Amino acid sequence: MHLRPILASAFIAAAFALTGCGGATTPSAAGNIPAIAALRPQIRLPGAGSMGRLIYVSDAGTNTVSFYTYRGGKLEGSITSGLSEPQGLCSDPKGNVWVANTAESDVVEYAYGATTPKQTLATTGQYPAGCSVDKNGDVAVSDILSTSGGEGNVEIFKGGKGSATSVTCPNLSHYGGVAYDNKGNLFVTGENATDAFGLCEVPNGKTGGEAIRLNTPPESTGNVQWDGTYVAIGDATIERFLIRGTKGSLKRTVTLNGTSSGGMFLLPSRGRVLSFESGEQGIGFFKYPAGGNALKTISIVESEPIGFTVSPMRVL
């Protein structure tokens, strides 16, 4: 699934692929909002929540976010009001879930298992698409565009509260995936003005991003995550990069058989990865970084699934 133009005149060339290769954009069934989601690797928070771990899935086609039990795939509930083309999802260390509410240009926080919001934070950019939370509760949100239709940015809400600090990257015009590592460094994927893939790092405590040059750049951009050792980027596969300074080298490629693409994936625990399966009507559980065939699959009801996360969980 690609970043999709909002209007015919709005950055037609932007195309961050979530479940396909780069190329022409495809219109959204929900209203032509650009699509990208970013999630980050996290693991279970033991003993939290009577339903155990929950898998949250955003549906841009029906403006809902639903949640399923991690073990059995039972649909436990849905958020059906207040959302407009939701995309990226992420969870904080306490199990709260954040939704990039793309068409409303805000990000909404929900408590574990709740269907009414705890709070809504407005973004200064336009069309927030991805989010990530660090171990201190800071929330990073990627905005595909500015309010004037120009270059996007990343906004960081300190402690998940108040007004955000805007951060930009020298090699990105349109912003897609965001992911914190275990040291509070933020990695950002997107495209430059000529639609070429770009990776940027915002070092912990810094107010500006640094361009990262990869020896083998992905052809298209899904989400980005920190897997405990490498920066993992979704393309047609999952590509694991070792980052040293402002350079990155491809160390391993992970193939998930039977998935729509490695572009949309989630690392809910060490040794496991989840991804949408072909047709996007199921989520497959795979070994990581081995990949291969799914260990099991759960069915989902979403018509146009974009992003997913797991709650409750804590950072690696």
Protein backbone atom coordinates (compact mmCIF):
# COMPACT_ATOMS: atom_id res chain seq x y z
CA MET A 1 0.00 0.00 0.00
CA HIS A 2 1.40 3.35 -1.00
CA LEU A 3 1.30 6.85 0.30
CA ARG A 4 -1.73 8.17 -1.53
CA PRO A 5 -2.40 11.72 -2.72
CA ILE A 6 -5.10 13.62 -0.85
CA LEU A 7 -6.13 15.62 -3.89
CA ALA A 8 -5.17 15.39 -7.53
CA SER A 9 -2.82 18.33 -7.07
CA ALA A 10 -1.24 17.16 -3.83
CA PHE A 11 2.24 15.63 -4.20
CA ILE A 12 1.22 13.06 -6.80
CA ALA A 13 4.70 11.57 -6.86
CA ALA A 14 4.90 10.63 -3.17
CA ALA A 15 4.78 6.86 -2.74
CA PHE A 16 5.84 5.18 0.50
CA ALA A 17 5.03 1.51 -0.10
CA LEU A 18 3.61 -0.42 2.81
CA THR A 19 2.57 -3.58 1.02
CA GLY A 20 4.00 -3.17 -2.47
CA CYS A 21 6.81 -1.79 -4.54
CA GLY A 22 7.46 1.81 -5.45
CA GLY A 23 5.67 3.39 -8.37
CA ALA A 24 2.44 5.21 -9.02
CA THR A 25 0.22 6.00 -6.08
CA THR A 26 -3.06 4.20 -5.63
CA PRO A 27 -6.21 6.01 -4.46
CA SER A 28 -7.56 5.17 -1.02
CA ALA A 29 -10.99 3.63 -0.76
CA ALA A 30 -11.44 5.83 2.28
CA GLY A 31 -10.69 9.16 0.66
CA ASN A 32 -7.24 9.47 -0.93
CA ILE A 33 -5.18 10.06 2.22
CA PRO A 34 -1.47 9.14 1.97
CA ALA A 35 -0.66 5.90 3.79
CA ILE A 36 2.30 4.87 5.89
CA ALA A 37 2.64 3.34 9.32
CA ALA A 38 5.48 2.99 11.72
CA LEU A 39 5.72 0.73 14.68
CA ARG A 40 8.49 -0.14 17.01
CA PRO A 41 9.76 -3.35 18.55
CA GLN A 42 8.36 -3.94 22.02
CA ILE A 43 7.65 -6.89 24.31
CA ARG A 44 5.05 -8.01 26.80
CA LEU A 45 4.46 -6.22 30.09
CA PRO A 46 3.80 -9.23 32.37
CA GLY A 47 0.60 -9.32 34.39
CA ALA A 48 -1.04 -6.26 32.83
CA GLY A 49 -4.61 -6.42 31.57
CA SER A 50 -7.28 -9.10 32.02
CA MET A 51 -7.36 -9.83 28.30
CA GLY A 52 -3.60 -10.29 28.07
CA ARG A 53 -1.78 -8.86 25.11
CA LEU A 54 -4.00 -7.22 22.50
CA ILE A 55 -3.27 -6.69 18.81
CA TYR A 56 -4.64 -3.34 17.62
CA VAL A 57 -5.33 -2.89 13.88
CA SER A 58 -6.22 0.39 12.14
CA ASP A 59 -8.71 0.37 9.27
CA ALA A 60 -8.65 3.41 6.99
CA GLY A 61 -11.58 1.99 5.02
CA THR A 62 -14.05 2.11 7.92
CA ASN A 63 -12.39 4.74 10.17
CA THR A 64 -12.01 2.26 13.01
CA VAL A 65 -9.35 0.63 15.18
CA SER A 66 -10.11 -2.90 16.42
CA PHE A 67 -8.29 -5.02 18.96
CA TYR A 68 -7.84 -8.79 19.14
CA THR A 69 -6.39 -11.16 21.72
CA TYR A 70 -2.79 -11.97 20.94
CA ARG A 71 -3.07 -15.68 21.68
CA GLY A 72 -6.40 -16.61 20.13
CA GLY A 73 -7.18 -13.79 17.74
CA LYS A 74 -10.57 -13.10 19.33
CA LEU A 75 -12.07 -9.72 18.45
CA GLU A 76 -12.45 -7.96 21.82
CA GLY A 77 -13.59 -4.49 20.77
CA SER A 78 -13.49 -1.63 18.27
CA ILE A 79 -13.03 2.12 18.39
CA THR A 80 -15.75 3.34 16.04
CA SER A 81 -16.04 7.08 16.63
CA GLY A 82 -13.76 10.09 16.43
CA LEU A 83 -11.32 8.63 13.90
CA SER A 84 -10.81 9.60 10.27
CA GLU A 85 -8.54 7.39 8.16
CA PRO A 86 -6.36 6.18 11.06
CA GLN A 87 -2.98 4.80 10.03
CA GLY A 88 0.06 4.30 12.27
CA LEU A 89 -0.32 2.79 15.75
CA CYS A 90 2.14 2.52 18.63
CA SER A 91 2.07 1.61 22.32
CA ASP A 92 3.74 3.21 25.32
CA PRO A 93 5.41 1.39 28.25
CA LYS A 94 2.12 1.41 30.22
CA GLY A 95 0.13 -0.24 27.43
CA ASN A 96 -1.61 2.92 26.21
CA VAL A 97 -2.16 2.95 22.45
CA TRP A 98 -1.54 5.96 20.23
CA VAL A 99 -3.35 6.38 16.89
CA ALA A 100 -2.11 8.60 14.06
CA ASN A 101 -5.50 10.03 13.10
CA THR A 102 -4.44 11.02 9.62
CA ALA A 103 -7.35 12.93 8.11
CA GLU A 104 -7.91 14.93 11.31
CA SER A 105 -4.22 15.86 11.70
CA ASP A 106 -4.00 14.75 15.30
CA VAL A 107 -2.82 11.83 17.41
CA VAL A 108 -5.19 10.15 19.86
CA GLU A 109 -4.28 8.18 23.01
CA TYR A 110 -6.38 5.29 24.35
CA ALA A 111 -5.91 3.32 27.55
CA TYR A 112 -5.47 -0.45 27.24
CA GLY A 113 -8.78 -1.98 26.10
CA ALA A 114 -10.62 1.38 26.11
CA THR A 115 -12.77 2.73 23.27
CA THR A 116 -12.93 6.35 24.41
CA PRO A 117 -9.80 8.55 24.20
CA LYS A 118 -7.64 9.66 27.12
CA GLN A 119 -6.42 12.68 25.19
CA THR A 120 -6.00 14.12 21.70
CA LEU A 121 -2.90 16.05 20.63
CA ALA A 122 -3.00 18.29 17.57
CA THR A 123 -0.12 18.12 15.11
CA THR A 124 1.26 21.25 13.48
CA GLY A 125 1.96 19.36 10.26
CA GLN A 126 -0.58 17.67 8.04
CA TYR A 127 -1.54 14.01 7.73
CA PRO A 128 0.27 12.28 10.60
CA ALA A 129 1.05 8.75 9.48
CA GLY A 130 3.44 7.00 11.86
CA CYS A 131 4.25 7.07 15.56
CA SER A 132 6.70 5.64 18.08
CA VAL A 133 7.11 5.89 21.86
CA ASP A 134 10.43 5.73 23.72
CA LYS A 135 11.06 4.31 27.20
CA ASN A 136 10.49 7.74 28.78
CA GLY A 137 7.05 8.11 27.21
CA ASP A 138 8.06 10.64 24.53
CA VAL A 139 5.82 10.27 21.48
CA ALA A 140 7.24 10.87 17.99
CA VAL A 141 4.78 11.41 15.14
CA SER A 142 5.62 11.70 11.44
CA ASP A 143 3.70 14.23 9.32
CA ILE A 144 3.65 13.50 5.60
CA LEU A 145 3.15 17.16 4.65
CA SER A 146 3.20 20.61 6.20
CA THR A 147 -0.04 22.53 6.63
CA SER A 148 0.83 24.48 3.49
CA GLY A 149 1.29 21.30 1.48
CA GLY A 150 5.08 21.55 1.56
CA GLU A 151 7.66 19.32 3.21
CA GLY A 152 6.65 17.24 6.20
CA ASN A 153 8.33 16.84 9.57
CA VAL A 154 8.53 14.82 12.77
CA GLU A 155 6.89 16.10 15.95
CA ILE A 156 8.02 14.96 19.39
CA PHE A 157 5.61 15.28 22.32
CA LYS A 158 7.71 15.21 25.49
CA GLY A 159 6.20 12.70 27.90
CA GLY A 160 3.25 12.34 25.54
CA LYS A 161 1.87 15.71 26.63
CA GLY A 162 1.48 19.35 25.59
CA SER A 163 2.89 20.94 22.47
CA ALA A 164 5.36 19.19 20.22
CA THR A 165 8.87 20.08 19.13
CA SER A 166 9.25 19.96 15.35
CA VAL A 167 12.24 18.12 13.85
CA THR A 168 13.24 17.95 10.20
CA CYS A 169 15.70 15.83 8.24
CA PRO A 170 18.00 17.23 5.51
CA ASN A 171 17.34 14.30 3.16
CA LEU A 172 13.54 14.00 3.48
CA SER A 173 10.64 15.89 1.98
CA HIS A 174 7.84 13.47 2.81
CA TYR A 175 8.00 11.58 6.09
CA GLY A 176 6.77 8.05 6.77
CA GLY A 177 8.03 5.62 9.42
CA VAL A 178 9.48 6.50 12.84
CA ALA A 179 11.11 4.21 15.41
CA TYR A 180 13.05 4.77 18.62
CA ASP A 181 15.96 2.51 19.52
CA ASN A 182 16.80 1.49 23.09
CA LYS A 183 18.96 4.60 23.60
CA GLY A 184 16.32 7.13 22.62
CA ASN A 185 17.66 7.76 19.11
CA LEU A 186 14.89 8.18 16.56
CA PHE A 187 15.07 6.70 13.05
CA VAL A 188 12.88 8.15 10.31
CA THR A 189 12.13 6.87 6.80
CA GLY A 190 10.65 8.76 3.88
CA GLU A 191 11.39 10.19 0.46
CA ASN A 192 13.28 13.18 -0.84
CA ALA A 193 12.09 15.70 -3.41
CA THR A 194 12.88 13.28 -6.28
CA ASP A 195 10.97 10.41 -4.62
CA ALA A 196 14.11 8.50 -3.66
CA PHE A 197 14.15 6.55 -0.38
CA GLY A 198 15.78 8.25 2.58
CA LEU A 199 16.74 7.27 6.13
CA CYS A 200 17.41 9.84 8.84
CA GLU A 201 18.48 9.62 12.48
CA VAL A 202 17.58 12.14 15.16
CA PRO A 203 20.13 11.46 17.94
CA ASN A 204 18.80 11.51 21.49
CA GLY A 205 18.74 15.08 22.79
CA LYS A 206 19.30 16.69 19.38
CA THR A 207 16.90 19.05 17.63
CA GLY A 208 17.77 18.12 14.05
CA GLY A 209 18.08 14.98 11.97
CA GLU A 210 21.13 13.54 10.20
CA ALA A 211 20.99 11.81 6.83
CA ILE A 212 22.01 8.13 6.92
CA ARG A 213 23.53 6.73 3.73
CA LEU A 214 22.73 3.06 3.14
CA ASN A 215 24.92 0.85 0.97
CA THR A 216 21.83 -0.89 -0.43
CA PRO A 217 18.77 1.38 -0.07
CA PRO A 218 15.32 -0.25 -0.10
CA GLU A 219 13.29 0.24 -3.26
CA SER A 220 10.21 1.22 -1.29
CA THR A 221 9.33 2.20 2.25
CA GLY A 222 7.13 0.37 4.68
CA ASN A 223 7.62 0.86 8.38
CA VAL A 224 10.87 1.01 10.33
CA GLN A 225 11.71 -0.62 13.66
CA TRP A 226 14.62 -1.19 16.00
CA ASP A 227 15.02 -4.96 16.50
CA GLY A 228 17.51 -4.81 19.36
CA THR A 229 20.59 -4.90 17.11
CA TYR A 230 19.69 -3.52 13.71
CA VAL A 231 17.41 -0.94 12.13
CA ALA A 232 14.83 -3.06 10.29
CA ILE A 233 13.08 -1.52 7.27
CA GLY A 234 10.09 -2.98 5.43
CA ASP A 235 10.41 -3.36 1.68
CA ALA A 236 9.23 -6.40 -0.28
CA THR A 237 11.23 -8.09 2.50
CA ILE A 238 12.50 -6.94 5.90
CA GLU A 239 15.99 -5.51 5.52
CA ARG A 240 18.23 -5.28 8.61
CA PHE A 241 20.84 -2.51 8.60
CA LEU A 242 23.78 -1.96 10.93
CA ILE A 243 24.11 1.79 11.53
CA ARG A 244 27.54 3.26 12.27
CA GLY A 245 27.61 7.04 12.42
CA THR A 246 25.95 8.33 9.26
CA LYS A 247 26.38 5.10 7.29
CA GLY A 248 24.36 1.92 7.22
CA SER A 249 25.17 -1.50 5.77
CA LEU A 250 22.71 -4.26 4.92
CA LYS A 251 23.43 -7.31 7.09
CA ARG A 252 20.48 -9.60 6.48
CA THR A 253 17.24 -9.87 4.51
CA VAL A 254 14.23 -11.60 6.09
CA THR A 255 11.53 -13.10 3.85
CA LEU A 256 8.05 -13.79 5.22
CA ASN A 257 6.30 -16.31 2.98
CA GLY A 258 2.68 -15.67 2.09
CA THR A 259 2.57 -12.05 3.24
CA SER A 260 1.33 -9.06 1.31
CA SER A 261 4.80 -7.62 1.85
CA GLY A 262 7.46 -7.28 4.50
CA GLY A 263 6.65 -3.55 4.28
CA MET A 264 4.21 -3.73 7.20
CA PHE A 265 5.57 -5.71 10.13
CA LEU A 266 5.68 -5.70 13.92
CA LEU A 267 8.16 -7.18 16.41
CA PRO A 268 6.05 -8.00 19.50
CA SER A 269 8.68 -10.12 21.28
CA ARG A 270 12.19 -11.41 20.81
CA GLY A 271 12.24 -14.06 18.12
CA ARG A 272 8.82 -13.21 16.66
CA VAL A 273 7.55 -10.96 13.89
CA LEU A 274 3.97 -10.30 12.73
CA SER A 275 2.89 -9.23 9.25
CA PHE A 276 -0.30 -8.89 7.22
CA GLU A 277 -0.85 -11.93 5.03
CA SER A 278 -1.81 -11.88 1.35
CA GLY A 279 -5.21 -10.29 0.88
CA GLU A 280 -4.71 -8.44 4.18
CA GLN A 281 -7.45 -10.46 5.90
CA GLY A 282 -5.10 -12.12 8.35
CA ILE A 283 -1.99 -11.57 10.48
CA GLY A 284 0.77 -14.16 10.34
CA PHE A 285 3.16 -14.96 13.20
CA PHE A 286 6.70 -15.79 12.07
CA LYS A 287 10.09 -16.59 13.56
CA TYR A 288 12.50 -13.65 13.53
CA PRO A 289 15.00 -13.26 11.97
CA ALA A 290 14.53 -16.68 10.35
CA GLY A 291 11.35 -15.75 8.47
CA GLY A 292 9.89 -18.43 6.22
CA ASN A 293 6.38 -19.81 6.71
CA ALA A 294 3.95 -18.54 9.34
CA LEU A 295 3.79 -20.41 12.63
CA LYS A 296 0.12 -19.46 12.96
CA THR A 297 -2.42 -17.00 11.55
CA ILE A 298 -5.30 -15.03 13.04
CA SER A 299 -8.15 -13.64 10.95
CA ILE A 300 -9.07 -9.94 10.96
CA VAL A 301 -12.18 -8.13 9.72
CA GLU A 302 -10.61 -4.87 8.51
CA SER A 303 -11.38 -3.80 4.92
CA GLU A 304 -8.28 -1.63 4.55
CA PRO A 305 -5.79 -2.45 7.34
CA ILE A 306 -2.91 0.01 7.53
CA GLY A 307 -1.07 -0.37 10.82
CA PHE A 308 -0.96 -2.47 13.95
CA THR A 309 0.62 -2.64 17.38
CA VAL A 310 0.51 -4.82 20.50
CA SER A 311 -0.54 -3.74 24.01
CA PRO A 312 0.36 -4.09 26.83
CA MET A 313 4.08 -4.25 26.32
CA ARG A 314 7.32 -2.60 27.34
CA VAL A 315 10.31 -1.41 25.34
CA LEU A 316 13.23 -3.70 24.57
